[in-house]
Protein backbone atom coordinates (compact mmCIF):
# COMPACT_ATOMS: atom_id res chain seq x y z
CA MET A 1 -13.91 -5.42 -26.39
CA ILE A 2 -10.23 -6.32 -25.95
CA LYS A 3 -7.41 -3.94 -26.83
CA SER A 4 -3.70 -4.89 -26.82
CA LEU A 5 -0.68 -2.62 -26.70
CA SER A 6 3.06 -3.12 -26.28
CA VAL A 7 4.87 -0.34 -24.41
CA GLY A 8 8.61 -0.70 -23.83
CA HIS A 9 9.19 -3.71 -21.61
CA PHE A 10 5.47 -4.18 -20.96
CA PHE A 11 2.64 -5.82 -22.88
CA LEU A 12 -0.79 -4.43 -21.97
CA LYS A 13 -4.14 -6.05 -22.68
CA LEU A 14 -7.38 -4.31 -21.72
CA ASP A 15 -10.73 -6.08 -21.50
CA LEU A 16 -13.20 -3.19 -21.52
CA HIS A 17 -16.17 -5.48 -20.84
CA TYR A 18 -14.89 -6.82 -17.49
CA GLY A 19 -12.71 -3.85 -16.54
CA THR A 20 -9.57 -6.01 -16.49
CA ILE A 21 -6.09 -4.78 -17.22
CA PHE A 22 -3.40 -7.40 -17.87
CA ILE A 23 0.23 -6.25 -17.69
CA HIS A 24 3.10 -8.55 -18.57
CA ASN A 25 6.69 -7.54 -17.82
CA LYS A 26 8.86 -8.76 -20.71
CA MET A 27 12.14 -8.04 -18.90
CA GLU A 28 14.46 -10.97 -18.23
CA GLY A 29 15.18 -12.22 -14.73
CA LYS A 30 13.62 -14.45 -12.11
CA LYS A 31 10.57 -12.98 -10.42
CA LYS A 32 9.21 -14.00 -7.02
CA TYR A 33 5.74 -14.58 -8.52
CA LYS A 34 4.53 -15.46 -11.99
CA ALA A 35 1.37 -13.38 -11.48
CA VAL A 36 -0.26 -11.10 -8.90
CA MET A 37 -3.60 -9.31 -8.90
CA LEU A 38 -4.68 -5.90 -7.61
CA ILE A 39 -8.37 -5.45 -6.75
CA ASP A 40 -9.25 -1.85 -5.93
CA ASP A 41 -12.01 0.44 -7.18
CA ASN A 42 -9.65 3.43 -7.00
CA GLU A 43 -7.76 3.57 -10.29
CA ILE A 44 -5.14 5.95 -8.89
CA ASP A 45 -4.36 3.53 -6.04
CA ASN A 46 -4.16 0.71 -8.59
CA LEU A 47 -1.72 2.73 -10.69
CA ILE A 48 0.49 3.62 -7.70
CA ASN A 49 0.53 0.00 -6.51
CA GLN A 50 1.15 -1.27 -10.04
CA LYS A 51 4.17 1.03 -10.35
CA MET A 52 5.50 -0.19 -7.01
CA LEU A 53 5.09 -3.83 -8.09
CA GLU A 54 6.85 -3.08 -11.38
CA ALA A 55 9.70 -1.25 -9.64
CA SER A 56 10.20 -4.13 -7.22
CA ASN A 57 10.32 -6.56 -10.16
CA ILE A 58 8.32 -9.00 -8.03
CA ALA A 59 5.99 -10.44 -10.69
CA GLU A 60 6.02 -11.26 -14.37
CA THR A 61 2.33 -10.42 -14.76
CA ILE A 62 0.06 -7.97 -12.94
CA PHE A 63 -3.71 -8.27 -13.26
CA MET A 64 -5.70 -5.21 -12.19
CA HIS A 65 -9.43 -5.11 -11.47
CA THR A 66 -11.51 -2.14 -10.42
CA GLY A 67 -14.27 -4.35 -9.04
CA ALA A 68 -14.46 -7.50 -6.93
CA LYS A 69 -17.20 -9.09 -9.05
CA GLY A 70 -15.14 -8.78 -12.23
CA ALA A 71 -12.12 -10.23 -10.43
CA LEU A 72 -14.12 -13.28 -9.32
CA GLU A 73 -15.37 -13.86 -12.87
CA PHE A 74 -11.83 -13.50 -14.13
CA LEU A 75 -10.58 -16.15 -11.67
CA LYS A 76 -13.34 -18.56 -12.71
CA ASN A 77 -12.65 -18.00 -16.40
CA ILE A 78 -8.87 -18.18 -16.24
CA GLU A 79 -9.09 -21.48 -14.36
CA LYS A 80 -11.34 -22.90 -17.10
CA LEU A 81 -9.09 -21.62 -19.89
CA SER A 82 -5.77 -22.60 -18.37
CA ALA A 83 -4.47 -26.12 -17.92
CA ASN A 84 -4.26 -26.80 -14.19
CA GLY A 85 -4.84 -23.14 -13.33
CA VAL A 86 -1.61 -21.98 -14.97
CA GLY A 87 -1.89 -18.21 -15.17
CA LEU A 88 -3.73 -17.81 -11.88
CA PRO A 89 -2.35 -15.04 -9.69
CA GLU A 90 -0.36 -16.39 -6.77
CA VAL A 91 -1.17 -13.31 -4.68
CA ILE A 92 -4.20 -11.03 -4.62
CA PHE A 93 -3.87 -7.56 -3.10
CA LEU A 94 -7.46 -6.83 -2.02
CA ASP A 95 -8.98 -3.50 -0.97
CA ILE A 96 -11.72 -3.57 1.67
CA ASP A 97 -13.87 -0.55 0.89
CA MET A 98 -15.33 -0.92 -2.61
CA PRO A 99 -18.81 -0.33 -4.03
CA LEU A 100 -21.11 -3.20 -5.11
CA MET A 101 -18.93 -5.84 -3.43
CA ASP A 102 -16.46 -5.00 -0.68
CA GLY A 103 -13.34 -6.99 0.20
CA PHE A 104 -15.09 -9.10 2.83
CA GLN A 105 -17.92 -9.99 0.45
CA PHE A 106 -15.21 -10.95 -2.06
CA LEU A 107 -13.73 -13.31 0.56
CA ASP A 108 -17.17 -14.91 1.08
CA GLU A 109 -17.47 -15.53 -2.67
CA PHE A 110 -13.82 -16.61 -2.95
CA ASP A 111 -14.64 -19.37 -0.44
CA LYS A 112 -17.12 -20.79 -3.00
CA LEU A 113 -14.44 -21.15 -5.71
CA SER A 114 -12.62 -24.41 -6.47
CA ASP A 115 -10.21 -25.88 -3.97
CA TYR A 116 -7.44 -25.47 -6.54
CA ILE A 117 -7.95 -21.70 -6.62
CA LYS A 118 -8.31 -21.39 -2.84
CA ASN A 119 -5.21 -23.46 -2.15
CA ASN A 120 -2.98 -21.69 -4.66
CA ILE A 121 -3.79 -18.02 -4.13
CA SER A 122 -2.78 -15.99 -1.08
CA ILE A 123 -4.77 -12.87 -0.26
CA ILE A 124 -3.25 -9.74 1.20
CA MET A 125 -5.62 -7.05 2.39
CA LEU A 126 -4.24 -3.78 1.04
CA THR A 127 -6.32 -0.99 2.47
CA SER A 128 -6.45 2.54 3.79
CA SER A 129 -8.90 1.44 6.51
CA ILE A 130 -7.83 2.24 10.05
CA ASN A 131 -10.94 0.59 11.49
CA PRO A 132 -9.80 -1.98 14.10
CA GLN A 133 -12.88 -4.08 13.26
CA ASP A 134 -11.61 -4.48 9.68
CA LEU A 135 -8.26 -5.75 10.93
CA SER A 136 -9.97 -8.14 13.33
CA LYS A 137 -12.31 -9.43 10.62
CA ALA A 138 -9.40 -9.88 8.19
CA LYS A 139 -7.44 -11.89 10.78
CA LYS A 140 -10.41 -14.25 11.17
CA SER A 141 -10.32 -15.18 7.48
CA HIS A 142 -8.03 -18.13 6.76
CA PHE A 143 -7.56 -16.77 3.22
CA VAL A 144 -6.00 -13.48 4.36
CA LYS A 145 -2.27 -13.97 4.87
CA LYS A 146 -1.36 -10.37 5.62
CA TYR A 147 -2.93 -6.93 6.25
CA ILE A 148 -1.04 -3.97 4.73
CA ASN A 149 -1.92 -0.29 4.72
CA LYS A 150 -1.86 1.54 1.38
CA PRO A 151 0.16 2.27 -0.55
CA LEU A 152 2.46 -0.67 -1.17
CA THR A 153 6.06 0.03 -0.26
CA GLN A 154 9.32 -1.64 -1.17
CA ASP A 155 9.65 -2.68 2.46
CA SER A 156 6.19 -4.31 2.59
CA LEU A 157 6.88 -6.17 -0.66
CA GLU A 158 10.23 -7.46 0.61
CA LYS A 159 8.46 -8.90 3.67
CA LEU A 160 6.08 -11.02 1.57
């Protein structure tokens, strides 16, 4: 079931079946990215990070997923629906510790996606993990461009 809502400068679209929230910023001005994606099972963290992304005015569109599996399906579907992958997020902010499929399992599945997706999306691990093994494992993945501790900050966004 899909619900749409326009709130101020934002257009919201919720896909209750896949747990996807699509947020489009209607404000004028050049953004650094056309679209970014947050993948985190913690809805409060997603909300905080969404607000930080909105405040930084970094992206026209923010996709939010509360599960890695749903995010993967979304990427596959949006590539099929869009001409040449238009609409794909340019950056994914990925949590590590999630149920059903964690961030590293997501990276394993991401590797199986089309070359177009893999070559046009950068992944940033956004996590509360202080485990040095997580950092080491993230650095070994050629998909992970950066490792940031939660929550997002204006400073961390400016350094992207």
